[in-house]
Amino acid sequence: MNDQTSHAGLEGDEYGVLLRKLVDQIAAVVVGQSYLVERILVALLADGHILIEGVPGLAKTTTIKAIANSIDAKFSRIQFTPDLLPADLLGTLIYNPRDAVFTTRKGPIFANIVLADEVNRAPAKVHSALLEAMEERQVTISETSYPLGELFMVLATQNPIEQEGTYPLPEAQLDRFMLKIAINYPSWDEEREIVRRAGRIAKAPPLLPVIHLDDIIRARSAVDAVYLDEKIEQYILDVVFSTREPGRCGLERLAGYIEFGASPRASIYLAVAGRALAFIRGRGYVVPQDIKDIAPDILRHRIITTYEADVDGITTDNLIEEILANVKVP
């Protein structure tokens, strides 16, 4: 690695202090979920969107709201339902009969951090409207396009077990999410702490912002300065190409389990998210472990498995684990 590169994530620098304040404040409200918090910070610094999957009651919404309230930015929560319309998300034109003109009423999508709660409960037209906002960073109302803010992040949640009345997200939309996080139940000790905190009538005081929108924007420039060696770039490409051509890492038998491998967005996001993760961990350079740690969250929704994989009980996480274990690490 290049030792001359700036140590963008030093514990003593202003960004490290701000991130620690943010994490500490969230920990005061949410028990556990440190993995989810770290991944949300990665997406925040890497300018990406997140899809969070988990059974009800795992504090998905609580964690997102705690992060949003800790940042001095505009936050909106949209409950996705089967009767939701694109106009409910984007906004619409309102006719003023007195002046005989139409005025634009912007919808909740015009925010810095948007929580799309139970995103898979809305129909395809709403998904299409959300897709434009996520990819183009703009919203079209009637014939006019309106740009979204420099910081625009969608955090979507979905329930993996209750599928009645849901609309599966199309692969094109899934590919726009930088990360797909799968969260599990808390440990015994964590749940005991949850009971002790939540089992009271008195509620905790509201969270106050500890970090400003401009701080996030400036921190992204510091993330861009994190050093990514050519050997790490090669490792990223080897991992992604192994999802398309498993024979590259000597896993020809996996070819029958993979219908489509990861798109080029996976390579881009591995590089960007790897830099952000190294920054959060206090380094000014990316190491292979950063890529290995973030790879499952970037790849799990970009690999489409075959019928044979379903029959044999092989999941995308199983495939990613084998690929990471066999691709040569620089």
Protein backbone atom coordinates (compact mmCIF):
# COMPACT_ATOMS: atom_id res chain seq x y z
CA MET A 1 0.00 0.00 0.00
CA ASN A 2 0.96 3.61 -0.47
CA ASP A 3 2.02 4.89 2.96
CA GLN A 4 2.15 8.46 1.63
CA THR A 5 -1.60 8.67 1.16
CA SER A 6 -3.55 10.91 3.54
CA HIS A 7 -4.91 9.11 6.59
CA ALA A 8 -8.47 10.20 5.86
CA GLY A 9 -10.05 8.37 8.76
CA LEU A 10 -7.70 9.19 11.66
CA GLU A 11 -9.53 9.03 15.00
CA GLY A 12 -8.47 12.57 15.83
CA ASP A 13 -9.76 14.29 12.71
CA GLU A 14 -13.04 16.21 12.62
CA TYR A 15 -14.91 13.63 10.60
CA GLY A 16 -13.95 10.79 12.90
CA VAL A 17 -15.19 12.79 15.89
CA LEU A 18 -18.49 13.60 14.17
CA LEU A 19 -19.07 9.99 13.13
CA ARG A 20 -18.38 8.75 16.65
CA LYS A 21 -20.86 11.29 18.04
CA LEU A 22 -23.42 10.06 15.55
CA VAL A 23 -22.84 6.39 16.40
CA ASP A 24 -22.87 7.06 20.16
CA GLN A 25 -26.18 8.93 19.96
CA ILE A 26 -27.79 6.13 17.93
CA ALA A 27 -26.50 3.54 20.44
CA ALA A 28 -28.32 5.46 23.18
CA VAL A 29 -31.61 4.76 21.38
CA VAL A 30 -31.06 1.48 19.53
CA VAL A 31 -29.65 -1.63 21.20
CA GLY A 32 -27.32 -3.63 18.98
CA GLN A 33 -27.69 -3.26 15.20
CA SER A 34 -24.11 -1.94 14.99
CA TYR A 35 -23.75 -3.78 11.68
CA LEU A 36 -26.79 -2.00 10.24
CA VAL A 37 -25.62 1.39 11.53
CA GLU A 38 -22.16 0.90 9.99
CA ARG A 39 -23.66 -0.05 6.63
CA ILE A 40 -25.99 2.96 6.65
CA LEU A 41 -22.97 5.19 7.30
CA VAL A 42 -21.16 3.50 4.39
CA ALA A 43 -24.06 4.29 2.04
CA LEU A 44 -24.34 7.82 3.42
CA LEU A 45 -20.66 8.52 2.73
CA ALA A 46 -20.66 6.65 -0.58
CA ASP A 47 -23.81 8.36 -1.92
CA GLY A 48 -25.82 5.15 -2.25
CA HIS A 49 -29.20 3.67 -1.35
CA ILE A 50 -29.96 0.73 0.96
CA LEU A 51 -32.57 -2.03 0.99
CA ILE A 52 -33.01 -3.48 4.49
CA GLU A 53 -34.67 -6.87 4.87
CA GLY A 54 -35.72 -8.36 8.18
CA VAL A 55 -38.68 -9.71 10.09
CA PRO A 56 -40.91 -7.26 11.98
CA GLY A 57 -39.71 -5.84 15.28
CA LEU A 58 -35.96 -5.67 14.60
CA ALA A 59 -35.77 -1.86 14.91
CA LYS A 60 -35.26 -1.21 11.20
CA THR A 61 -37.47 1.88 11.20
CA THR A 62 -36.27 2.99 14.64
CA THR A 63 -32.61 2.85 13.56
CA ILE A 64 -33.25 4.81 10.37
CA LYS A 65 -35.25 7.48 12.21
CA ALA A 66 -32.51 7.75 14.86
CA ILE A 67 -29.88 8.34 12.18
CA ALA A 68 -32.07 10.83 10.32
CA ASN A 69 -32.83 12.76 13.52
CA SER A 70 -29.12 12.88 14.36
CA ILE A 71 -28.34 14.61 11.05
CA ASP A 72 -29.39 18.19 10.38
CA ALA A 73 -31.15 17.26 7.15
CA LYS A 74 -34.71 16.92 5.86
CA PHE A 75 -36.21 13.51 6.56
CA SER A 76 -39.45 11.98 5.29
CA ARG A 77 -41.08 8.64 5.97
CA ILE A 78 -43.35 7.12 3.33
CA GLN A 79 -45.49 4.12 4.22
CA PHE A 80 -45.81 2.08 1.04
CA THR A 81 -49.26 0.52 0.61
CA PRO A 82 -51.07 -1.22 -2.27
CA ASP A 83 -53.17 1.89 -2.94
CA LEU A 84 -50.21 4.28 -3.05
CA LEU A 85 -50.04 6.40 -6.23
CA PRO A 86 -46.99 8.00 -7.88
CA ALA A 87 -48.44 11.43 -7.06
CA ASP A 88 -48.47 10.51 -3.35
CA LEU A 89 -44.73 10.03 -3.63
CA LEU A 90 -43.65 12.70 -6.11
CA GLY A 91 -46.26 15.42 -5.80
CA THR A 92 -48.77 16.82 -8.24
CA LEU A 93 -50.11 19.93 -9.95
CA ILE A 94 -52.82 21.87 -8.09
CA TYR A 95 -55.18 24.09 -10.07
CA ASN A 96 -55.93 27.52 -8.63
CA PRO A 97 -59.27 28.65 -10.14
CA ARG A 98 -58.86 32.22 -8.90
CA ASP A 99 -55.63 32.78 -10.86
CA ALA A 100 -56.38 30.10 -13.47
CA VAL A 101 -52.88 28.60 -13.05
CA PHE A 102 -51.40 25.30 -11.94
CA THR A 103 -48.92 25.25 -9.07
CA THR A 104 -46.64 22.36 -8.14
CA ARG A 105 -47.06 20.72 -4.78
CA LYS A 106 -43.95 18.64 -4.14
CA GLY A 107 -44.29 15.27 -2.47
CA PRO A 108 -42.35 13.61 0.38
CA ILE A 109 -39.66 12.35 -2.01
CA PHE A 110 -38.18 15.87 -1.86
CA ALA A 111 -36.05 15.21 1.20
CA ASN A 112 -32.43 14.34 1.98
CA ILE A 113 -33.15 11.03 3.69
CA VAL A 114 -36.23 9.09 2.62
CA LEU A 115 -37.53 6.04 4.49
CA ALA A 116 -39.55 3.86 2.10
CA ASP A 117 -41.21 1.61 4.66
CA GLU A 118 -42.33 -1.80 3.35
CA VAL A 119 -41.36 -0.78 -0.16
CA ASN A 120 -42.54 -4.04 -1.72
CA ARG A 121 -46.18 -3.30 -0.84
CA ALA A 122 -46.60 -0.63 -3.51
CA PRO A 123 -47.50 -1.38 -7.16
CA ALA A 124 -45.18 -1.16 -10.16
CA LYS A 125 -46.10 2.44 -11.09
CA VAL A 126 -44.83 3.66 -7.72
CA HIS A 127 -41.65 1.61 -8.09
CA SER A 128 -41.10 3.22 -11.48
CA ALA A 129 -41.43 6.71 -10.00
CA LEU A 130 -39.03 5.83 -7.20
CA LEU A 131 -36.59 4.38 -9.73
CA GLU A 132 -36.22 7.71 -11.53
CA ALA A 133 -35.55 9.51 -8.27
CA MET A 134 -32.94 6.95 -7.19
CA GLU A 135 -31.08 6.76 -10.48
CA GLU A 136 -31.50 10.18 -12.07
CA ARG A 137 -31.65 12.19 -8.84
CA GLN A 138 -34.61 14.06 -10.26
CA VAL A 139 -38.41 13.92 -10.21
CA THR A 140 -40.74 14.56 -13.14
CA ILE A 141 -44.13 16.08 -12.39
CA SER A 142 -46.25 16.52 -15.50
CA GLU A 143 -43.70 17.73 -18.08
CA THR A 144 -41.26 19.40 -15.70
CA SER A 145 -38.24 17.75 -14.05
CA TYR A 146 -37.08 18.90 -10.62
CA PRO A 147 -33.60 18.05 -9.33
CA LEU A 148 -33.24 16.49 -5.89
CA GLY A 149 -30.71 17.61 -3.30
CA GLU A 150 -27.00 16.89 -3.36
CA LEU A 151 -27.60 14.50 -0.49
CA PHE A 152 -30.45 12.20 -1.42
CA MET A 153 -30.63 8.74 0.11
CA VAL A 154 -33.39 6.13 0.03
CA LEU A 155 -33.52 3.60 2.84
CA ALA A 156 -36.13 1.01 1.97
CA THR A 157 -37.37 -1.78 4.22
CA GLN A 158 -39.14 -4.99 3.36
CA ASN A 159 -40.51 -7.98 5.24
CA PRO A 160 -39.14 -11.34 3.96
CA ILE A 161 -41.87 -13.55 5.45
CA GLU A 162 -45.22 -11.85 4.82
CA GLN A 163 -45.62 -11.94 1.06
CA GLU A 164 -49.41 -11.62 0.74
CA GLY A 165 -50.28 -8.32 -0.93
CA THR A 166 -46.70 -7.55 -1.94
CA TYR A 167 -45.15 -6.71 -5.29
CA PRO A 168 -41.64 -8.13 -5.81
CA LEU A 169 -39.13 -5.43 -6.68
CA PRO A 170 -37.92 -5.71 -10.28
CA GLU A 171 -34.26 -6.56 -10.83
CA ALA A 172 -33.65 -3.15 -12.44
CA GLN A 173 -34.72 -1.41 -9.25
CA LEU A 174 -32.83 -3.81 -6.98
CA ASP A 175 -29.66 -3.01 -8.93
CA ARG A 176 -30.05 0.68 -7.99
CA PHE A 177 -29.61 -0.14 -4.32
CA MET A 178 -25.96 -0.03 -3.38
CA LEU A 179 -26.47 -2.41 -0.46
CA LYS A 180 -29.02 -5.01 0.56
CA ILE A 181 -28.78 -5.69 4.27
CA ALA A 182 -30.21 -8.81 5.87
CA ILE A 183 -30.60 -8.36 9.63
CA ASN A 184 -31.32 -11.02 12.24
CA TYR A 185 -32.68 -11.27 15.76
CA PRO A 186 -30.72 -9.65 18.61
CA SER A 187 -28.65 -11.73 21.00
CA TRP A 188 -30.00 -12.74 24.43
CA ASP A 189 -28.08 -9.98 26.20
CA GLU A 190 -29.15 -7.38 23.64
CA GLU A 191 -32.79 -8.35 23.98
CA ARG A 192 -32.58 -8.12 27.76
CA GLU A 193 -31.30 -4.55 27.36
CA ILE A 194 -34.12 -3.83 24.91
CA VAL A 195 -36.67 -5.00 27.47
CA ARG A 196 -35.08 -2.87 30.19
CA ARG A 197 -35.14 0.25 28.00
CA ALA A 198 -38.47 -0.17 26.25
CA GLY A 199 -40.38 -1.64 29.18
CA ARG A 200 -40.96 1.79 30.68
CA ILE A 201 -43.80 4.24 30.26
CA ALA A 202 -41.51 7.27 30.26
CA LYS A 203 -39.98 7.82 26.86
CA ALA A 204 -36.44 8.92 26.08
CA PRO A 205 -35.99 12.59 25.07
CA PRO A 206 -35.94 13.33 21.32
CA LEU A 207 -32.61 13.19 19.52
CA LEU A 208 -30.93 16.42 18.46
CA PRO A 209 -28.74 16.78 15.34
CA VAL A 210 -25.05 16.19 16.01
CA ILE A 211 -23.84 16.40 12.42
CA HIS A 212 -24.79 18.78 9.62
CA LEU A 213 -25.59 18.16 5.98
CA ASP A 214 -22.49 20.07 4.83
CA ASP A 215 -20.31 17.84 7.04
CA ILE A 216 -21.54 14.77 5.14
CA ILE A 217 -20.86 16.42 1.79
CA ARG A 218 -17.31 17.38 2.85
CA ALA A 219 -16.69 13.93 4.31
CA ARG A 220 -17.50 12.41 0.91
CA SER A 221 -14.55 14.32 -0.54
CA ALA A 222 -12.34 12.78 2.13
CA VAL A 223 -13.69 9.33 1.23
CA ASP A 224 -12.77 9.95 -2.41
CA ALA A 225 -9.18 10.54 -1.27
CA VAL A 226 -8.91 7.10 0.34
CA TYR A 227 -6.27 5.13 -1.55
CA LEU A 228 -7.36 2.13 -3.63
CA ASP A 229 -4.40 0.10 -4.87
CA GLU A 230 -4.43 -1.48 -8.34
CA LYS A 231 -4.19 -4.91 -6.71
CA ILE A 232 -7.39 -4.19 -4.80
CA GLU A 233 -9.05 -3.09 -8.05
CA GLN A 234 -8.01 -6.38 -9.63
CA TYR A 235 -9.39 -8.27 -6.63
CA ILE A 236 -12.73 -6.46 -6.99
CA LEU A 237 -12.96 -7.38 -10.66
CA ASP A 238 -12.00 -11.00 -9.97
CA VAL A 239 -14.77 -11.28 -7.39
CA VAL A 240 -17.42 -9.75 -9.67
CA PHE A 241 -16.37 -11.72 -12.75
CA SER A 242 -16.46 -14.92 -10.69
CA THR A 243 -20.21 -14.38 -10.25
CA ARG A 244 -20.52 -14.46 -14.04
CA GLU A 245 -17.79 -17.01 -14.77
CA PRO A 246 -17.33 -19.22 -11.67
CA GLY A 247 -14.60 -21.12 -13.49
CA ARG A 248 -12.29 -18.11 -12.94
CA CYS A 249 -11.89 -19.19 -9.31
CA GLY A 250 -12.05 -22.92 -9.94
CA LEU A 251 -15.73 -23.26 -9.03
CA GLU A 252 -17.14 -24.60 -12.30
CA ARG A 253 -19.81 -26.49 -10.36
CA LEU A 254 -21.39 -23.17 -9.34
CA ALA A 255 -22.14 -22.33 -12.98
CA GLY A 256 -25.31 -24.42 -12.82
CA TYR A 257 -26.54 -22.36 -9.88
CA ILE A 258 -26.05 -18.88 -11.34
CA GLU A 259 -28.36 -17.65 -14.08
CA PHE A 260 -27.08 -14.06 -14.15
CA GLY A 261 -24.04 -12.66 -12.37
CA ALA A 262 -23.51 -9.24 -10.85
CA SER A 263 -23.71 -6.15 -13.06
CA PRO A 264 -20.90 -3.60 -13.51
CA ARG A 265 -22.56 -1.55 -10.77
CA ALA A 266 -21.25 -4.19 -8.36
CA SER A 267 -17.65 -3.37 -9.33
CA ILE A 268 -18.29 0.37 -8.99
CA TYR A 269 -20.01 0.01 -5.63
CA LEU A 270 -17.35 -2.34 -4.25
CA ALA A 271 -14.72 0.30 -4.95
CA VAL A 272 -16.78 3.20 -3.57
CA ALA A 273 -18.14 1.35 -0.53
CA GLY A 274 -14.72 -0.16 0.16
CA ARG A 275 -13.29 3.35 0.42
CA ALA A 276 -16.14 4.44 2.72
CA LEU A 277 -15.70 1.40 4.98
CA ALA A 278 -11.94 2.00 5.24
CA PHE A 279 -12.65 5.64 6.11
CA ILE A 280 -15.08 4.66 8.87
CA ARG A 281 -12.55 2.17 10.24
CA GLY A 282 -9.91 4.87 10.50
CA ARG A 283 -7.71 4.15 7.49
CA GLY A 284 -6.72 6.17 4.46
CA TYR A 285 -6.35 3.07 2.30
CA VAL A 286 -8.47 0.05 1.39
CA VAL A 287 -7.40 -3.46 2.40
CA PRO A 288 -8.80 -6.74 0.98
CA GLN A 289 -10.77 -7.36 4.18
CA ASP A 290 -12.80 -4.20 3.54
CA ILE A 291 -13.89 -5.64 0.20
CA LYS A 292 -14.62 -9.07 1.67
CA ASP A 293 -16.72 -7.54 4.45
CA ILE A 294 -18.85 -5.34 2.20
CA ALA A 295 -19.12 -7.76 -0.76
CA PRO A 296 -22.10 -9.84 0.49
CA ASP A 297 -24.23 -6.71 0.94
CA ILE A 298 -23.38 -5.50 -2.56
CA LEU A 299 -23.68 -8.82 -4.36
CA ARG A 300 -26.61 -10.65 -2.71
CA HIS A 301 -29.30 -8.81 -4.72
CA ARG A 302 -27.34 -8.79 -7.97
CA ILE A 303 -26.91 -12.55 -8.45
CA ILE A 304 -29.91 -14.37 -9.91
CA THR A 305 -29.91 -18.05 -9.09
CA THR A 306 -31.29 -20.90 -11.20
CA TYR A 307 -34.03 -23.39 -10.44
CA GLU A 308 -31.35 -25.95 -9.60
CA ALA A 309 -30.06 -23.68 -6.85
CA ASP A 310 -33.56 -23.45 -5.36
CA VAL A 311 -33.96 -27.21 -5.47
CA ASP A 312 -30.59 -27.78 -3.78
CA GLY A 313 -31.21 -25.08 -1.19
CA ILE A 314 -28.32 -22.92 -2.42
CA THR A 315 -28.76 -19.23 -1.64
CA THR A 316 -26.93 -16.24 -3.06
CA ASP A 317 -25.15 -15.86 0.28
CA ASN A 318 -23.86 -19.43 -0.05
CA LEU A 319 -22.52 -18.64 -3.53
CA ILE A 320 -20.87 -15.40 -2.39
CA GLU A 321 -19.24 -17.16 0.55
CA GLU A 322 -17.70 -19.79 -1.73
CA ILE A 323 -16.51 -17.22 -4.24
CA LEU A 324 -14.86 -15.07 -1.58
CA ALA A 325 -13.20 -18.15 -0.11
CA ASN A 326 -11.72 -19.13 -3.46
CA VAL A 327 -10.80 -15.87 -5.22
CA LYS A 328 -7.12 -15.17 -4.65
CA VAL A 329 -6.56 -12.33 -2.19
CA PRO A 330 -3.74 -9.88 -3.06
